Amino acid sequence: MRCRGRAALTQPHSFSLSHRVVALTARVDSDGTVRTVRVVSGNRALAAAAVRAVRQWRYRPYLQDGQPIATETNIAISFSQTTRFP
């Protein structure tokens, strides 16, 4: 599955460089829309920003027998000092 569009991350007010990786699990419908996002691990403030962004992503779904199918995917988002925020 390949992500077709990504939303920009919005910086939380208390941006800390500790715990910079957020692990998520997302359920993607057959039309490529992200339906649910669950935080697996990571800093709470950064996780909220990551979830908001991932909910706006669109995927090219997997095909099974030529038909698009819903699936679940794991996502790791790394924040760093060079992460750009609008």
C-alpha atoms as a PDB file:
ATOM      1  CA  MET A   1       0.000   0.000   0.000  1.00  0.00           C
ATOM      2  CA  ARG A   2       1.358   3.409  -0.899  1.00  0.00           C
ATOM      3  CA  CYS A   3       0.360   6.717   0.633  1.00  0.00           C
ATOM      4  CA  ARG A   4      -0.893   9.136  -2.052  1.00  0.00           C
ATOM      5  CA  GLY A   5      -1.090  12.314   0.028  1.00  0.00           C
ATOM      6  CA  ARG A   6       0.231  13.459   3.362  1.00  0.00           C
ATOM      7  CA  ALA A   7      -0.916  16.314   5.541  1.00  0.00           C
ATOM      8  CA  ALA A   8       1.607  18.549   7.247  1.00  0.00           C
ATOM      9  CA  LEU A   9       2.269  18.030  10.934  1.00  0.00           C
ATOM     10  CA  THR A  10       1.217  20.729  13.364  1.00  0.00           C
ATOM     11  CA  GLN A  11       3.682  21.395  16.158  1.00  0.00           C
ATOM     12  CA  PRO A  12       2.335  20.810  19.665  1.00  0.00           C
ATOM     13  CA  HIS A  13       3.101  23.575  22.162  1.00  0.00           C
ATOM     14  CA  SER A  14       5.325  21.398  24.360  1.00  0.00           C
ATOM     15  CA  PHE A  15       7.665  19.949  21.728  1.00  0.00           C
ATOM     16  CA  SER A  16      10.292  17.820  23.436  1.00  0.00           C
ATOM     17  CA  LEU A  17      13.091  15.999  21.666  1.00  0.00           C
ATOM     18  CA  SER A  18      12.755  13.018  23.979  1.00  0.00           C
ATOM     19  CA  HIS A  19      10.439  10.271  22.756  1.00  0.00           C
ATOM     20  CA  ARG A  20      10.604  11.525  19.185  1.00  0.00           C
ATOM     21  CA  VAL A  21       9.113   8.466  17.461  1.00  0.00           C
ATOM     22  CA  VAL A  22       5.371   7.834  17.427  1.00  0.00           C
ATOM     23  CA  ALA A  23       4.123   4.387  16.402  1.00  0.00           C
ATOM     24  CA  LEU A  24       0.583   4.144  15.015  1.00  0.00           C
ATOM     25  CA  THR A  25      -1.735   1.546  13.523  1.00  0.00           C
ATOM     26  CA  ALA A  26      -4.226   2.760  10.917  1.00  0.00           C
ATOM     27  CA  ARG A  27      -7.230   1.078   9.329  1.00  0.00           C
ATOM     28  CA  VAL A  28      -7.502   2.017   5.645  1.00  0.00           C
ATOM     29  CA  ASP A  29     -10.762   1.481   3.731  1.00  0.00           C
ATOM     30  CA  SER A  30     -10.919   0.081   0.221  1.00  0.00           C
ATOM     31  CA  ASP A  31     -11.198   3.630  -1.172  1.00  0.00           C
ATOM     32  CA  GLY A  32      -7.867   4.601   0.463  1.00  0.00           C
ATOM     33  CA  THR A  33      -9.420   6.666   3.266  1.00  0.00           C
ATOM     34  CA  VAL A  34      -7.910   6.331   6.742  1.00  0.00           C
ATOM     35  CA  ARG A  35     -10.827   5.332   8.986  1.00  0.00           C
ATOM     36  CA  THR A  36      -9.199   4.743  12.363  1.00  0.00           C
ATOM     37  CA  VAL A  37      -5.819   5.533  13.894  1.00  0.00           C
ATOM     38  CA  ARG A  38      -4.557   3.980  17.115  1.00  0.00           C
ATOM     39  CA  VAL A  39      -1.459   5.112  19.003  1.00  0.00           C
ATOM     40  CA  VAL A  40       0.825   2.178  19.798  1.00  0.00           C
ATOM     41  CA  SER A  41       3.567   4.189  21.519  1.00  0.00           C
ATOM     42  CA  GLY A  42       5.161   7.603  21.776  1.00  0.00           C
ATOM     43  CA  ASN A  43       4.992  10.981  23.465  1.00  0.00           C
ATOM     44  CA  ARG A  44       1.363  12.006  24.056  1.00  0.00           C
ATOM     45  CA  ALA A  45       1.657  15.515  22.564  1.00  0.00           C
ATOM     46  CA  LEU A  46       3.549  14.290  19.508  1.00  0.00           C
ATOM     47  CA  ALA A  47       1.134  11.371  19.112  1.00  0.00           C
ATOM     48  CA  ALA A  48      -1.829  13.759  18.934  1.00  0.00           C
ATOM     49  CA  ALA A  49      -0.115  15.740  16.159  1.00  0.00           C
ATOM     50  CA  ALA A  50       0.758  12.536  14.282  1.00  0.00           C
ATOM     51  CA  VAL A  51      -2.818  11.196  14.522  1.00  0.00           C
ATOM     52  CA  ARG A  52      -4.266  14.479  13.199  1.00  0.00           C
ATOM     53  CA  ALA A  53      -1.943  14.324  10.190  1.00  0.00           C
ATOM     54  CA  VAL A  54      -2.428  10.613   9.424  1.00  0.00           C
ATOM     55  CA  ARG A  55      -6.225  10.971   9.464  1.00  0.00           C
ATOM     56  CA  GLN A  56      -5.840  13.246   6.427  1.00  0.00           C
ATOM     57  CA  TRP A  57      -3.593  10.877   4.447  1.00  0.00           C
ATOM     58  CA  ARG A  58      -4.955   8.986   1.446  1.00  0.00           C
ATOM     59  CA  TYR A  59      -3.618   5.617   0.319  1.00  0.00           C
ATOM     60  CA  ARG A  60      -3.639   3.617  -2.870  1.00  0.00           C
ATOM     61  CA  PRO A  61      -5.265   0.461  -1.462  1.00  0.00           C
ATOM     62  CA  TYR A  62      -4.094  -3.121  -1.903  1.00  0.00           C
ATOM     63  CA  LEU A  63      -5.854  -5.163  -4.557  1.00  0.00           C
ATOM     64  CA  GLN A  64      -7.152  -8.679  -4.052  1.00  0.00           C
ATOM     65  CA  ASP A  65      -8.392 -10.436  -7.196  1.00  0.00           C
ATOM     66  CA  GLY A  66      -8.318  -7.040  -8.890  1.00  0.00           C
ATOM     67  CA  GLN A  67     -10.543  -5.388  -6.273  1.00  0.00           C
ATOM     68  CA  PRO A  68      -9.407  -2.825  -3.680  1.00  0.00           C
ATOM     69  CA  ILE A  69      -9.602  -4.104  -0.099  1.00  0.00           C
ATOM     70  CA  ALA A  70      -9.550  -2.556   3.374  1.00  0.00           C
ATOM     71  CA  THR A  71      -6.402  -3.226   5.362  1.00  0.00           C
ATOM     72  CA  GLU A  72      -4.442  -2.236   8.435  1.00  0.00           C
ATOM     73  CA  THR A  73      -1.012  -0.656   8.312  1.00  0.00           C
ATOM     74  CA  ASN A  74       1.679   0.249  10.848  1.00  0.00           C
ATOM     75  CA  ILE A  75       3.171   3.739  10.705  1.00  0.00           C
ATOM     76  CA  ALA A  76       6.227   5.156  12.488  1.00  0.00           C
ATOM     77  CA  ILE A  77       6.621   8.930  12.490  1.00  0.00           C
ATOM     78  CA  SER A  78       9.939  10.398  13.610  1.00  0.00           C
ATOM     79  CA  PHE A  79      10.081  13.960  14.869  1.00  0.00           C
ATOM     80  CA  SER A  80      13.384  15.818  14.862  1.00  0.00           C
ATOM     81  CA  GLN A  81      14.780  19.311  15.221  1.00  0.00           C
ATOM     82  CA  THR A  82      14.495  19.625  11.444  1.00  0.00           C
ATOM     83  CA  THR A  83      10.830  18.580  11.256  1.00  0.00           C
ATOM     84  CA  ARG A  84       9.028  21.447   9.525  1.00  0.00           C
ATOM     85  CA  PHE A  85       5.821  22.810  10.919  1.00  0.00           C
ATOM     86  CA  PRO A  86       3.602  25.249   9.053  1.00  0.00           C
END
